[in-house]
Protein backbone atom coordinates (compact mmCIF):
# COMPACT_ATOMS: atom_id res chain seq x y z
CA UNK A 1 0.00 0.00 0.00
CA UNK A 2 1.30 3.40 -0.92
CA UNK A 3 1.28 5.77 2.05
CA UNK A 4 -0.69 8.99 1.88
CA UNK A 5 1.50 12.05 1.76
CA UNK A 6 1.51 14.54 4.60
CA UNK A 7 -0.64 17.62 4.56
CA UNK A 8 0.50 20.19 2.04
CA UNK A 9 1.26 23.78 3.07
CA UNK A 10 -1.57 26.24 2.48
CA UNK A 11 -2.06 26.96 -1.20
CA UNK A 12 -2.26 30.54 -2.52
CA UNK A 13 -5.16 29.44 -4.70
CA UNK A 14 -8.76 29.47 -3.39
CA UNK A 15 -9.98 26.34 -1.66
CA UNK A 16 -12.20 24.09 -3.73
CA UNK A 17 -15.01 24.29 -1.21
CA UNK A 18 -14.49 27.80 0.14
CA UNK A 19 -18.17 28.75 -0.05
CA UNK A 20 -20.33 25.65 0.12
CA UNK A 21 -19.34 22.28 1.54
CA UNK A 22 -20.41 19.22 -0.42
CA UNK A 23 -23.58 17.55 0.77
CA UNK A 24 -22.90 14.61 3.09
CA UNK A 25 -24.76 11.35 2.44
CA UNK A 26 -24.89 9.08 5.49
CA UNK A 27 -25.92 5.52 4.61
CA UNK A 28 -27.61 3.53 7.36
CA UNK A 29 -29.41 0.29 8.09
CA UNK A 30 -30.79 0.66 11.61
CA UNK A 31 -32.45 -2.74 11.44
CA UNK A 32 -29.95 -5.39 10.41
CA UNK A 33 -31.36 -7.91 7.96
CA UNK A 34 -31.86 -11.39 9.46
CA UNK A 35 -29.26 -12.80 7.10
CA UNK A 36 -26.72 -10.01 7.63
CA UNK A 37 -23.37 -11.13 9.01
CA UNK A 38 -22.83 -8.29 11.49
CA UNK A 39 -21.63 -8.17 15.09
CA UNK A 40 -23.94 -5.31 16.04
CA UNK A 41 -27.41 -6.63 15.23
CA UNK A 42 -29.49 -5.22 18.09
CA UNK A 43 -31.84 -2.54 16.81
CA UNK A 44 -31.46 -0.20 19.79
CA UNK A 45 -27.67 -0.32 19.72
CA UNK A 46 -27.57 0.26 15.99
CA UNK A 47 -29.89 3.25 16.41
CA UNK A 48 -27.76 4.61 19.27
CA UNK A 49 -24.56 4.37 17.23
CA UNK A 50 -26.24 5.84 14.16
CA UNK A 51 -27.41 8.89 16.10
CA UNK A 52 -23.99 9.22 17.69
CA UNK A 53 -22.38 9.39 14.25
CA UNK A 54 -24.83 12.02 13.03
CA UNK A 55 -24.30 14.02 16.21
CA UNK A 56 -20.53 14.01 15.75
CA UNK A 57 -20.90 15.37 12.22
CA UNK A 58 -23.31 18.09 13.37
CA UNK A 59 -21.04 19.10 16.25
CA UNK A 60 -17.95 19.34 14.06
CA UNK A 61 -19.54 20.96 11.02
CA UNK A 62 -22.77 22.73 12.04
CA UNK A 63 -23.25 24.25 8.59
CA UNK A 64 -23.09 20.87 6.86
CA UNK A 65 -26.05 19.78 4.74
CA UNK A 66 -26.74 16.12 5.47
CA UNK A 67 -28.82 13.40 3.84
CA UNK A 68 -29.51 10.35 6.01
CA UNK A 69 -30.77 7.41 3.97
CA UNK A 70 -31.79 4.21 5.73
CA UNK A 71 -32.03 0.98 3.75
CA UNK A 72 -33.91 -0.97 6.41
CA UNK A 73 -37.07 1.11 6.08
CA UNK A 74 -36.63 2.89 9.42
CA UNK A 75 -37.90 6.46 9.34
CA UNK A 76 -35.62 8.62 11.51
CA UNK A 77 -37.34 11.90 10.62
CA UNK A 78 -38.98 12.69 13.96
CA UNK A 79 -35.96 11.60 16.01
CA UNK A 80 -33.52 13.68 13.97
CA UNK A 81 -35.77 16.75 13.93
CA UNK A 82 -36.13 16.56 17.71
CA UNK A 83 -32.40 16.21 18.33
CA UNK A 84 -31.15 18.70 15.72
CA UNK A 85 -34.02 21.10 14.92
CA UNK A 86 -31.81 23.81 13.41
CA UNK A 87 -29.63 21.55 11.25
CA UNK A 88 -30.17 20.95 7.55
CA UNK A 89 -30.80 17.19 7.53
CA UNK A 90 -32.92 15.44 4.92
CA UNK A 91 -34.14 11.98 5.93
CA UNK A 92 -34.97 9.16 3.51
CA UNK A 93 -35.85 5.51 4.02
CA UNK A 94 -36.76 2.46 1.94
CA UNK A 95 -36.36 -1.30 2.08
CA UNK A 96 -33.25 -2.87 0.56
CA UNK A 97 -33.64 -6.08 -1.39
CA UNK A 98 -32.78 -8.36 1.54
CA UNK A 99 -32.48 -11.51 -0.57
CA UNK A 100 -29.89 -9.92 -2.82
CA UNK A 101 -28.04 -8.38 0.12
CA UNK A 102 -27.89 -11.84 1.71
CA UNK A 103 -26.63 -13.36 -1.53
CA UNK A 104 -24.17 -10.71 -2.67
CA UNK A 105 -23.19 -8.90 0.54
CA UNK A 106 -23.56 -5.60 2.38
CA UNK A 107 -21.83 -3.73 -0.44
CA UNK A 108 -24.81 -4.55 -2.63
CA UNK A 109 -27.15 -3.03 -0.05
CA UNK A 110 -25.03 0.08 0.34
CA UNK A 111 -24.97 0.56 -3.41
CA UNK A 112 -28.76 0.42 -3.44
CA UNK A 113 -28.90 3.03 -0.67
CA UNK A 114 -26.65 5.44 -2.56
CA UNK A 115 -28.65 5.06 -5.76
CA UNK A 116 -31.95 5.55 -3.93
CA UNK A 117 -30.61 8.71 -2.27
CA UNK A 118 -29.33 10.13 -5.56
CA UNK A 119 -32.74 9.57 -7.10
CA UNK A 120 -34.92 10.86 -4.25
CA UNK A 121 -32.90 13.47 -2.33
CA UNK A 122 -33.63 17.13 -2.95
CA UNK A 123 -30.29 18.15 -1.47
CA UNK A 124 -28.30 15.73 -3.61
CA UNK A 125 -30.24 16.71 -6.72
CA UNK A 126 -28.88 20.24 -6.39
CA UNK A 127 -25.33 19.21 -5.43
CA UNK A 128 -22.59 18.76 -8.07
CA UNK A 129 -20.35 17.11 -5.45
CA UNK A 130 -21.26 14.90 -2.50
CA UNK A 131 -19.52 13.07 0.32
CA UNK A 132 -20.51 9.60 1.47
CA UNK A 133 -19.97 8.24 4.96
CA UNK A 134 -21.16 4.94 6.36
CA UNK A 135 -23.52 5.33 9.31
CA UNK A 136 -22.14 5.13 12.87
CA UNK A 137 -18.89 6.75 11.66
CA UNK A 138 -17.44 10.21 11.26
CA UNK A 139 -14.18 11.81 10.07
CA UNK A 140 -12.20 13.28 12.95
CA UNK A 141 -9.92 15.43 10.77
CA UNK A 142 -12.61 16.43 8.28
CA UNK A 143 -11.58 20.07 7.86
CA UNK A 144 -7.96 19.16 7.20
CA UNK A 145 -8.98 16.50 4.67
CA UNK A 146 -11.13 18.90 2.67
CA UNK A 147 -8.66 21.78 2.92
CA UNK A 148 -5.99 19.66 1.22
CA UNK A 149 -8.03 17.77 -1.34
CA UNK A 150 -6.50 18.00 -4.84
CA UNK A 151 -9.67 17.91 -6.86
CA UNK A 152 -13.36 17.42 -6.22
CA UNK A 153 -12.84 13.65 -5.97
CA UNK A 154 -11.10 11.99 -3.03
CA UNK A 155 -10.70 8.30 -2.16
CA UNK A 156 -8.60 6.13 0.14
CA UNK A 157 -6.90 3.72 -2.27
CA UNK A 158 -4.64 0.77 -1.54
CA UNK A 159 -2.22 -0.45 -4.18
CA UNK A 160 -0.30 -3.65 -4.95
CA UNK A 161 1.71 -5.09 -7.83
CA UNK A 162 -0.03 -7.29 -10.37
CA UNK A 163 1.50 -10.34 -12.12
CA UNK A 164 3.46 -7.99 -14.41
CA UNK A 165 4.91 -5.98 -11.54
CA UNK A 166 2.73 -2.94 -12.19
CA UNK A 167 1.19 -1.25 -9.18
CA UNK A 168 -2.57 -1.02 -9.43
CA UNK A 169 -5.43 -0.24 -7.06
CA UNK A 170 -6.82 -3.34 -5.38
CA UNK A 171 -8.90 -1.88 -2.53
CA UNK A 172 -10.86 1.35 -2.04
CA UNK A 173 -12.11 2.22 1.42
CA UNK A 174 -15.79 2.94 0.82
CA UNK A 175 -16.56 4.14 4.34
CA UNK A 176 -15.86 7.73 3.32
CA UNK A 177 -15.18 9.44 0.01
CA UNK A 178 -15.80 12.71 -1.83
CA UNK A 179 -16.98 12.55 -5.42
CA UNK A 180 -18.47 14.57 -8.24
CA UNK A 181 -21.96 13.30 -8.95
CA UNK A 182 -21.32 13.00 -12.69
CA UNK A 183 -18.08 11.09 -12.00
CA UNK A 184 -19.86 8.74 -9.64
CA UNK A 185 -22.66 8.02 -12.09
CA UNK A 186 -20.19 7.33 -14.88
CA UNK A 187 -17.69 5.13 -13.03
CA UNK A 188 -19.11 3.82 -9.74
CA UNK A 189 -22.91 3.91 -9.64
CA UNK A 190 -23.35 0.34 -10.92
CA UNK A 191 -20.36 -1.11 -9.04
CA UNK A 192 -22.53 -2.76 -6.39
CA UNK A 193 -24.03 -5.05 -9.03
CA UNK A 194 -20.63 -6.73 -9.46
CA UNK A 195 -20.26 -7.57 -5.77
CA UNK A 196 -20.18 -11.29 -4.89
CA UNK A 197 -19.13 -12.23 -1.36
CA UNK A 198 -19.10 -15.95 -2.22
CA UNK A 199 -16.32 -15.22 -4.67
CA UNK A 200 -14.55 -12.92 -2.21
CA UNK A 201 -15.35 -9.98 -4.46
CA UNK A 202 -16.38 -7.07 -2.25
CA UNK A 203 -17.50 -3.55 -3.09
CA UNK A 204 -14.01 -2.32 -2.17
CA UNK A 205 -12.53 -4.53 -4.89
CA UNK A 206 -15.04 -3.39 -7.50
CA UNK A 207 -14.40 0.28 -6.78
CA UNK A 208 -10.67 -0.38 -7.15
CA UNK A 209 -11.20 -2.08 -10.50
CA UNK A 210 -13.35 0.76 -11.77
CA UNK A 211 -10.99 3.51 -10.61
CA UNK A 212 -7.98 1.55 -11.85
CA UNK A 213 -9.19 2.07 -15.41
CA UNK A 214 -8.84 5.84 -15.07
CA UNK A 215 -5.47 7.15 -16.25
CA UNK A 216 -5.28 9.83 -13.56
CA UNK A 217 -6.24 7.47 -10.74
CA UNK A 218 -3.33 8.59 -8.53
CA UNK A 219 -4.76 12.09 -8.47
CA UNK A 220 -7.97 10.71 -6.95
CA UNK A 221 -6.28 9.87 -3.64
CA UNK A 222 -6.77 12.02 -0.59
CA UNK A 223 -3.69 14.08 0.24
CA UNK A 224 -4.55 13.86 3.93
CA UNK A 225 -5.91 10.48 4.97
CA UNK A 226 -9.29 10.70 6.71
CA UNK A 227 -9.21 9.59 10.34
CA UNK A 228 -12.42 7.60 10.64
CA UNK A 229 -13.92 7.17 14.11
CA UNK A 230 -17.04 5.49 15.43
CA UNK A 231 -18.39 1.96 15.68
CA UNK A 232 -18.26 -0.59 12.89
CA UNK A 233 -21.57 -2.38 12.54
CA UNK A 234 -19.77 -5.32 10.93
CA UNK A 235 -17.18 -5.91 13.65
CA UNK A 236 -18.66 -4.08 16.63
CA UNK A 237 -15.30 -2.44 17.22
CA UNK A 238 -14.96 1.22 18.15
CA UNK A 239 -12.16 3.41 16.95
C-alpha atoms as a PDB file:
ATOM      1  CA  UNK A   1       0.000   0.000   0.000  1.00  0.00           C
ATOM      2  CA  UNK A   2       1.302   3.403  -0.917  1.00  0.00           C
ATOM      3  CA  UNK A   3       1.275   5.772   2.046  1.00  0.00           C
ATOM      4  CA  UNK A   4      -0.685   8.990   1.881  1.00  0.00           C
ATOM      5  CA  UNK A   5       1.501  12.048   1.757  1.00  0.00           C
ATOM      6  CA  UNK A   6       1.508  14.539   4.602  1.00  0.00           C
ATOM      7  CA  UNK A   7      -0.643  17.621   4.558  1.00  0.00           C
ATOM      8  CA  UNK A   8       0.503  20.191   2.037  1.00  0.00           C
ATOM      9  CA  UNK A   9       1.257  23.780   3.070  1.00  0.00           C
ATOM     10  CA  UNK A  10      -1.572  26.244   2.475  1.00  0.00           C
ATOM     11  CA  UNK A  11      -2.061  26.965  -1.199  1.00  0.00           C
ATOM     12  CA  UNK A  12      -2.260  30.543  -2.518  1.00  0.00           C
ATOM     13  CA  UNK A  13      -5.161  29.435  -4.703  1.00  0.00           C
ATOM     14  CA  UNK A  14      -8.762  29.474  -3.394  1.00  0.00           C
ATOM     15  CA  UNK A  15      -9.985  26.340  -1.655  1.00  0.00           C
ATOM     16  CA  UNK A  16     -12.198  24.087  -3.728  1.00  0.00           C
ATOM     17  CA  UNK A  17     -15.009  24.290  -1.210  1.00  0.00           C
ATOM     18  CA  UNK A  18     -14.491  27.798   0.136  1.00  0.00           C
ATOM     19  CA  UNK A  19     -18.171  28.748  -0.053  1.00  0.00           C
ATOM     20  CA  UNK A  20     -20.330  25.646   0.125  1.00  0.00           C
ATOM     21  CA  UNK A  21     -19.339  22.280   1.538  1.00  0.00           C
ATOM     22  CA  UNK A  22     -20.414  19.225  -0.423  1.00  0.00           C
ATOM     23  CA  UNK A  23     -23.584  17.548   0.773  1.00  0.00           C
ATOM     24  CA  UNK A  24     -22.896  14.613   3.091  1.00  0.00           C
ATOM     25  CA  UNK A  25     -24.760  11.354   2.444  1.00  0.00           C
ATOM     26  CA  UNK A  26     -24.886   9.077   5.493  1.00  0.00           C
ATOM     27  CA  UNK A  27     -25.922   5.522   4.611  1.00  0.00           C
ATOM     28  CA  UNK A  28     -27.607   3.534   7.364  1.00  0.00           C
ATOM     29  CA  UNK A  29     -29.411   0.290   8.094  1.00  0.00           C
ATOM     30  CA  UNK A  30     -30.787   0.663  11.608  1.00  0.00           C
ATOM     31  CA  UNK A  31     -32.450  -2.738  11.436  1.00  0.00           C
ATOM     32  CA  UNK A  32     -29.952  -5.387  10.413  1.00  0.00           C
ATOM     33  CA  UNK A  33     -31.364  -7.908   7.958  1.00  0.00           C
ATOM     34  CA  UNK A  34     -31.861 -11.394   9.460  1.00  0.00           C
ATOM     35  CA  UNK A  35     -29.262 -12.805   7.097  1.00  0.00           C
ATOM     36  CA  UNK A  36     -26.716 -10.013   7.625  1.00  0.00           C
ATOM     37  CA  UNK A  37     -23.368 -11.125   9.006  1.00  0.00           C
ATOM     38  CA  UNK A  38     -22.835  -8.292  11.488  1.00  0.00           C
ATOM     39  CA  UNK A  39     -21.628  -8.166  15.091  1.00  0.00           C
ATOM     40  CA  UNK A  40     -23.941  -5.310  16.038  1.00  0.00           C
ATOM     41  CA  UNK A  41     -27.410  -6.631  15.233  1.00  0.00           C
ATOM     42  CA  UNK A  42     -29.494  -5.220  18.094  1.00  0.00           C
ATOM     43  CA  UNK A  43     -31.843  -2.538  16.805  1.00  0.00           C
ATOM     44  CA  UNK A  44     -31.462  -0.202  19.788  1.00  0.00           C
ATOM     45  CA  UNK A  45     -27.675  -0.321  19.718  1.00  0.00           C
ATOM     46  CA  UNK A  46     -27.568   0.265  15.992  1.00  0.00           C
ATOM     47  CA  UNK A  47     -29.889   3.252  16.415  1.00  0.00           C
ATOM     48  CA  UNK A  48     -27.760   4.608  19.268  1.00  0.00           C
ATOM     49  CA  UNK A  49     -24.558   4.370  17.234  1.00  0.00           C
ATOM     50  CA  UNK A  50     -26.237   5.841  14.156  1.00  0.00           C
ATOM     51  CA  UNK A  51     -27.414   8.893  16.095  1.00  0.00           C
ATOM     52  CA  UNK A  52     -23.988   9.216  17.695  1.00  0.00           C
ATOM     53  CA  UNK A  53     -22.383   9.395  14.254  1.00  0.00           C
ATOM     54  CA  UNK A  54     -24.834  12.023  13.027  1.00  0.00           C
ATOM     55  CA  UNK A  55     -24.300  14.021  16.212  1.00  0.00           C
ATOM     56  CA  UNK A  56     -20.527  14.007  15.754  1.00  0.00           C
ATOM     57  CA  UNK A  57     -20.897  15.368  12.223  1.00  0.00           C
ATOM     58  CA  UNK A  58     -23.308  18.095  13.366  1.00  0.00           C
ATOM     59  CA  UNK A  59     -21.038  19.096  16.248  1.00  0.00           C
ATOM     60  CA  UNK A  60     -17.948  19.337  14.057  1.00  0.00           C
ATOM     61  CA  UNK A  61     -19.536  20.958  11.016  1.00  0.00           C
ATOM     62  CA  UNK A  62     -22.768  22.733  12.044  1.00  0.00           C
ATOM     63  CA  UNK A  63     -23.250  24.247   8.586  1.00  0.00           C
ATOM     64  CA  UNK A  64     -23.087  20.870   6.855  1.00  0.00           C
ATOM     65  CA  UNK A  65     -26.048  19.782   4.743  1.00  0.00           C
ATOM     66  CA  UNK A  66     -26.741  16.121   5.470  1.00  0.00           C
ATOM     67  CA  UNK A  67     -28.821  13.405   3.844  1.00  0.00           C
ATOM     68  CA  UNK A  68     -29.515  10.352   6.009  1.00  0.00           C
ATOM     69  CA  UNK A  69     -30.766   7.410   3.972  1.00  0.00           C
ATOM     70  CA  UNK A  70     -31.787   4.205   5.729  1.00  0.00           C
ATOM     71  CA  UNK A  71     -32.026   0.983   3.747  1.00  0.00           C
ATOM     72  CA  UNK A  72     -33.907  -0.970   6.412  1.00  0.00           C
ATOM     73  CA  UNK A  73     -37.071   1.112   6.085  1.00  0.00           C
ATOM     74  CA  UNK A  74     -36.627   2.891   9.421  1.00  0.00           C
ATOM     75  CA  UNK A  75     -37.901   6.461   9.343  1.00  0.00           C
ATOM     76  CA  UNK A  76     -35.621   8.620  11.505  1.00  0.00           C
ATOM     77  CA  UNK A  77     -37.339  11.899  10.624  1.00  0.00           C
ATOM     78  CA  UNK A  78     -38.979  12.688  13.964  1.00  0.00           C
ATOM     79  CA  UNK A  79     -35.963  11.600  16.007  1.00  0.00           C
ATOM     80  CA  UNK A  80     -33.522  13.678  13.975  1.00  0.00           C
ATOM     81  CA  UNK A  81     -35.770  16.754  13.931  1.00  0.00           C
ATOM     82  CA  UNK A  82     -36.135  16.564  17.706  1.00  0.00           C
ATOM     83  CA  UNK A  83     -32.398  16.209  18.330  1.00  0.00           C
ATOM     84  CA  UNK A  84     -31.147  18.701  15.718  1.00  0.00           C
ATOM     85  CA  UNK A  85     -34.021  21.096  14.925  1.00  0.00           C
ATOM     86  CA  UNK A  86     -31.812  23.807  13.408  1.00  0.00           C
ATOM     87  CA  UNK A  87     -29.634  21.555  11.255  1.00  0.00           C
ATOM     88  CA  UNK A  88     -30.170  20.947   7.553  1.00  0.00           C
ATOM     89  CA  UNK A  89     -30.802  17.193   7.534  1.00  0.00           C
ATOM     90  CA  UNK A  90     -32.920  15.436   4.922  1.00  0.00           C
ATOM     91  CA  UNK A  91     -34.142  11.977   5.931  1.00  0.00           C
ATOM     92  CA  UNK A  92     -34.973   9.161   3.508  1.00  0.00           C
ATOM     93  CA  UNK A  93     -35.849   5.514   4.021  1.00  0.00           C
ATOM     94  CA  UNK A  94     -36.756   2.463   1.940  1.00  0.00           C
ATOM     95  CA  UNK A  95     -36.359  -1.297   2.076  1.00  0.00           C
ATOM     96  CA  UNK A  96     -33.254  -2.875   0.556  1.00  0.00           C
ATOM     97  CA  UNK A  97     -33.642  -6.085  -1.393  1.00  0.00           C
ATOM     98  CA  UNK A  98     -32.784  -8.356   1.540  1.00  0.00           C
ATOM     99  CA  UNK A  99     -32.482 -11.509  -0.566  1.00  0.00           C
ATOM    100  CA  UNK A 100     -29.895  -9.915  -2.816  1.00  0.00           C
ATOM    101  CA  UNK A 101     -28.043  -8.380   0.124  1.00  0.00           C
ATOM    102  CA  UNK A 102     -27.888 -11.836   1.710  1.00  0.00           C
ATOM    103  CA  UNK A 103     -26.629 -13.365  -1.534  1.00  0.00           C
ATOM    104  CA  UNK A 104     -24.172 -10.707  -2.672  1.00  0.00           C
ATOM    105  CA  UNK A 105     -23.189  -8.902   0.541  1.00  0.00           C
ATOM    106  CA  UNK A 106     -23.562  -5.600   2.376  1.00  0.00           C
ATOM    107  CA  UNK A 107     -21.830  -3.734  -0.438  1.00  0.00           C
ATOM    108  CA  UNK A 108     -24.812  -4.550  -2.631  1.00  0.00           C
ATOM    109  CA  UNK A 109     -27.147  -3.026  -0.051  1.00  0.00           C
ATOM    110  CA  UNK A 110     -25.031   0.077   0.342  1.00  0.00           C
ATOM    111  CA  UNK A 111     -24.971   0.561  -3.414  1.00  0.00           C
ATOM    112  CA  UNK A 112     -28.762   0.416  -3.441  1.00  0.00           C
ATOM    113  CA  UNK A 113     -28.900   3.026  -0.672  1.00  0.00           C
ATOM    114  CA  UNK A 114     -26.651   5.437  -2.562  1.00  0.00           C
ATOM    115  CA  UNK A 115     -28.652   5.065  -5.762  1.00  0.00           C
ATOM    116  CA  UNK A 116     -31.945   5.551  -3.931  1.00  0.00           C
ATOM    117  CA  UNK A 117     -30.612   8.711  -2.273  1.00  0.00           C
ATOM    118  CA  UNK A 118     -29.326  10.128  -5.557  1.00  0.00           C
ATOM    119  CA  UNK A 119     -32.744   9.566  -7.097  1.00  0.00           C
ATOM    120  CA  UNK A 120     -34.917  10.859  -4.252  1.00  0.00           C
ATOM    121  CA  UNK A 121     -32.904  13.465  -2.329  1.00  0.00           C
ATOM    122  CA  UNK A 122     -33.632  17.128  -2.950  1.00  0.00           C
ATOM    123  CA  UNK A 123     -30.285  18.153  -1.468  1.00  0.00           C
ATOM    124  CA  UNK A 124     -28.295  15.729  -3.611  1.00  0.00           C
ATOM    125  CA  UNK A 125     -30.237  16.711  -6.725  1.00  0.00           C
ATOM    126  CA  UNK A 126     -28.879  20.238  -6.387  1.00  0.00           C
ATOM    127  CA  UNK A 127     -25.332  19.210  -5.433  1.00  0.00           C
ATOM    128  CA  UNK A 128     -22.587  18.758  -8.068  1.00  0.00           C
ATOM    129  CA  UNK A 129     -20.350  17.105  -5.446  1.00  0.00           C
ATOM    130  CA  UNK A 130     -21.255  14.901  -2.498  1.00  0.00           C
ATOM    131  CA  UNK A 131     -19.524  13.072   0.316  1.00  0.00           C
ATOM    132  CA  UNK A 132     -20.505   9.603   1.469  1.00  0.00           C
ATOM    133  CA  UNK A 133     -19.973   8.239   4.959  1.00  0.00           C
ATOM    134  CA  UNK A 134     -21.158   4.936   6.358  1.00  0.00           C
ATOM    135  CA  UNK A 135     -23.522   5.331   9.308  1.00  0.00           C
ATOM    136  CA  UNK A 136     -22.138   5.130  12.866  1.00  0.00           C
ATOM    137  CA  UNK A 137     -18.894   6.746  11.657  1.00  0.00           C
ATOM    138  CA  UNK A 138     -17.437  10.211  11.261  1.00  0.00           C
ATOM    139  CA  UNK A 139     -14.176  11.808  10.072  1.00  0.00           C
ATOM    140  CA  UNK A 140     -12.204  13.279  12.954  1.00  0.00           C
ATOM    141  CA  UNK A 141      -9.922  15.431  10.770  1.00  0.00           C
ATOM    142  CA  UNK A 142     -12.615  16.430   8.282  1.00  0.00           C
ATOM    143  CA  UNK A 143     -11.578  20.067   7.862  1.00  0.00           C
ATOM    144  CA  UNK A 144      -7.957  19.158   7.203  1.00  0.00           C
ATOM    145  CA  UNK A 145      -8.980  16.500   4.672  1.00  0.00           C
ATOM    146  CA  UNK A 146     -11.134  18.897   2.675  1.00  0.00           C
ATOM    147  CA  UNK A 147      -8.662  21.781   2.917  1.00  0.00           C
ATOM    148  CA  UNK A 148      -5.990  19.658   1.222  1.00  0.00           C
ATOM    149  CA  UNK A 149      -8.033  17.772  -1.342  1.00  0.00           C
ATOM    150  CA  UNK A 150      -6.502  17.999  -4.840  1.00  0.00           C
ATOM    151  CA  UNK A 151      -9.671  17.907  -6.856  1.00  0.00           C
ATOM    152  CA  UNK A 152     -13.358  17.417  -6.217  1.00  0.00           C
ATOM    153  CA  UNK A 153     -12.840  13.647  -5.966  1.00  0.00           C
ATOM    154  CA  UNK A 154     -11.098  11.987  -3.032  1.00  0.00           C
ATOM    155  CA  UNK A 155     -10.701   8.304  -2.164  1.00  0.00           C
ATOM    156  CA  UNK A 156      -8.601   6.133   0.139  1.00  0.00           C
ATOM    157  CA  UNK A 157      -6.905   3.719  -2.266  1.00  0.00           C
ATOM    158  CA  UNK A 158      -4.640   0.771  -1.543  1.00  0.00           C
ATOM    159  CA  UNK A 159      -2.215  -0.449  -4.177  1.00  0.00           C
ATOM    160  CA  UNK A 160      -0.296  -3.647  -4.949  1.00  0.00           C
ATOM    161  CA  UNK A 161       1.705  -5.087  -7.826  1.00  0.00           C
ATOM    162  CA  UNK A 162      -0.027  -7.292 -10.369  1.00  0.00           C
ATOM    163  CA  UNK A 163       1.496 -10.336 -12.115  1.00  0.00           C
ATOM    164  CA  UNK A 164       3.456  -7.988 -14.405  1.00  0.00           C
ATOM    165  CA  UNK A 165       4.906  -5.980 -11.535  1.00  0.00           C
ATOM    166  CA  UNK A 166       2.735  -2.936 -12.194  1.00  0.00           C
ATOM    167  CA  UNK A 167       1.192  -1.251  -9.176  1.00  0.00           C
ATOM    168  CA  UNK A 168      -2.565  -1.023  -9.432  1.00  0.00           C
ATOM    169  CA  UNK A 169      -5.429  -0.243  -7.061  1.00  0.00           C
ATOM    170  CA  UNK A 170      -6.825  -3.344  -5.376  1.00  0.00           C
ATOM    171  CA  UNK A 171      -8.900  -1.882  -2.534  1.00  0.00           C
ATOM    172  CA  UNK A 172     -10.857   1.348  -2.042  1.00  0.00           C
ATOM    173  CA  UNK A 173     -12.114   2.219   1.421  1.00  0.00           C
ATOM    174  CA  UNK A 174     -15.794   2.940   0.817  1.00  0.00           C
ATOM    175  CA  UNK A 175     -16.556   4.145   4.340  1.00  0.00           C
ATOM    176  CA  UNK A 176     -15.861   7.733   3.319  1.00  0.00           C
ATOM    177  CA  UNK A 177     -15.182   9.439   0.008  1.00  0.00           C
ATOM    178  CA  UNK A 178     -15.798  12.714  -1.828  1.00  0.00           C
ATOM    179  CA  UNK A 179     -16.978  12.551  -5.419  1.00  0.00           C
ATOM    180  CA  UNK A 180     -18.473  14.572  -8.242  1.00  0.00           C
ATOM    181  CA  UNK A 181     -21.961  13.305  -8.951  1.00  0.00           C
ATOM    182  CA  UNK A 182     -21.319  12.995 -12.689  1.00  0.00           C
ATOM    183  CA  UNK A 183     -18.077  11.090 -12.002  1.00  0.00           C
ATOM    184  CA  UNK A 184     -19.863   8.738  -9.636  1.00  0.00           C
ATOM    185  CA  UNK A 185     -22.662   8.022 -12.086  1.00  0.00           C
ATOM    186  CA  UNK A 186     -20.187   7.326 -14.876  1.00  0.00           C
ATOM    187  CA  UNK A 187     -17.695   5.132 -13.026  1.00  0.00           C
ATOM    188  CA  UNK A 188     -19.105   3.815  -9.736  1.00  0.00           C
ATOM    189  CA  UNK A 189     -22.910   3.913  -9.636  1.00  0.00           C
ATOM    190  CA  UNK A 190     -23.346   0.343 -10.920  1.00  0.00           C
ATOM    191  CA  UNK A 191     -20.360  -1.107  -9.043  1.00  0.00           C
ATOM    192  CA  UNK A 192     -22.535  -2.763  -6.392  1.00  0.00           C
ATOM    193  CA  UNK A 193     -24.032  -5.047  -9.032  1.00  0.00           C
ATOM    194  CA  UNK A 194     -20.632  -6.732  -9.464  1.00  0.00           C
ATOM    195  CA  UNK A 195     -20.259  -7.575  -5.765  1.00  0.00           C
ATOM    196  CA  UNK A 196     -20.180 -11.289  -4.894  1.00  0.00           C
ATOM    197  CA  UNK A 197     -19.130 -12.234  -1.364  1.00  0.00           C
ATOM    198  CA  UNK A 198     -19.100 -15.945  -2.217  1.00  0.00           C
ATOM    199  CA  UNK A 199     -16.318 -15.225  -4.671  1.00  0.00           C
ATOM    200  CA  UNK A 200     -14.545 -12.924  -2.208  1.00  0.00           C
ATOM    201  CA  UNK A 201     -15.347  -9.978  -4.458  1.00  0.00           C
ATOM    202  CA  UNK A 202     -16.381  -7.070  -2.247  1.00  0.00           C
ATOM    203  CA  UNK A 203     -17.498  -3.553  -3.095  1.00  0.00           C
ATOM    204  CA  UNK A 204     -14.010  -2.317  -2.170  1.00  0.00           C
ATOM    205  CA  UNK A 205     -12.529  -4.526  -4.887  1.00  0.00           C
ATOM    206  CA  UNK A 206     -15.037  -3.394  -7.498  1.00  0.00           C
ATOM    207  CA  UNK A 207     -14.398   0.285  -6.778  1.00  0.00           C
ATOM    208  CA  UNK A 208     -10.669  -0.382  -7.148  1.00  0.00           C
ATOM    209  CA  UNK A 209     -11.203  -2.085 -10.496  1.00  0.00           C
ATOM    210  CA  UNK A 210     -13.349   0.761 -11.771  1.00  0.00           C
ATOM    211  CA  UNK A 211     -10.990   3.512 -10.611  1.00  0.00           C
ATOM    212  CA  UNK A 212      -7.976   1.554 -11.847  1.00  0.00           C
ATOM    213  CA  UNK A 213      -9.194   2.069 -15.412  1.00  0.00           C
ATOM    214  CA  UNK A 214      -8.838   5.837 -15.072  1.00  0.00           C
ATOM    215  CA  UNK A 215      -5.468   7.148 -16.251  1.00  0.00           C
ATOM    216  CA  UNK A 216      -5.277   9.825 -13.564  1.00  0.00           C
ATOM    217  CA  UNK A 217      -6.243   7.472 -10.740  1.00  0.00           C
ATOM    218  CA  UNK A 218      -3.328   8.590  -8.530  1.00  0.00           C
ATOM    219  CA  UNK A 219      -4.759  12.088  -8.468  1.00  0.00           C
ATOM    220  CA  UNK A 220      -7.966  10.709  -6.948  1.00  0.00           C
ATOM    221  CA  UNK A 221      -6.278   9.867  -3.644  1.00  0.00           C
ATOM    222  CA  UNK A 222      -6.774  12.023  -0.585  1.00  0.00           C
ATOM    223  CA  UNK A 223      -3.689  14.079   0.242  1.00  0.00           C
ATOM    224  CA  UNK A 224      -4.551  13.861   3.927  1.00  0.00           C
ATOM    225  CA  UNK A 225      -5.906  10.476   4.968  1.00  0.00           C
ATOM    226  CA  UNK A 226      -9.293  10.702   6.708  1.00  0.00           C
ATOM    227  CA  UNK A 227      -9.214   9.592  10.338  1.00  0.00           C
ATOM    228  CA  UNK A 228     -12.420   7.596  10.639  1.00  0.00           C
ATOM    229  CA  UNK A 229     -13.915   7.167  14.109  1.00  0.00           C
ATOM    230  CA  UNK A 230     -17.042   5.493  15.427  1.00  0.00           C
ATOM    231  CA  UNK A 231     -18.394   1.961  15.679  1.00  0.00           C
ATOM    232  CA  UNK A 232     -18.263  -0.591  12.887  1.00  0.00           C
ATOM    233  CA  UNK A 233     -21.573  -2.385  12.535  1.00  0.00           C
ATOM    234  CA  UNK A 234     -19.775  -5.318  10.931  1.00  0.00           C
ATOM    235  CA  UNK A 235     -17.182  -5.914  13.647  1.00  0.00           C
ATOM    236  CA  UNK A 236     -18.656  -4.079  16.634  1.00  0.00           C
ATOM    237  CA  UNK A 237     -15.296  -2.440  17.221  1.00  0.00           C
ATOM    238  CA  UNK A 238     -14.959   1.216  18.154  1.00  0.00           C
ATOM    239  CA  UNK A 239     -12.157   3.414  16.953  1.00  0.00           C
END
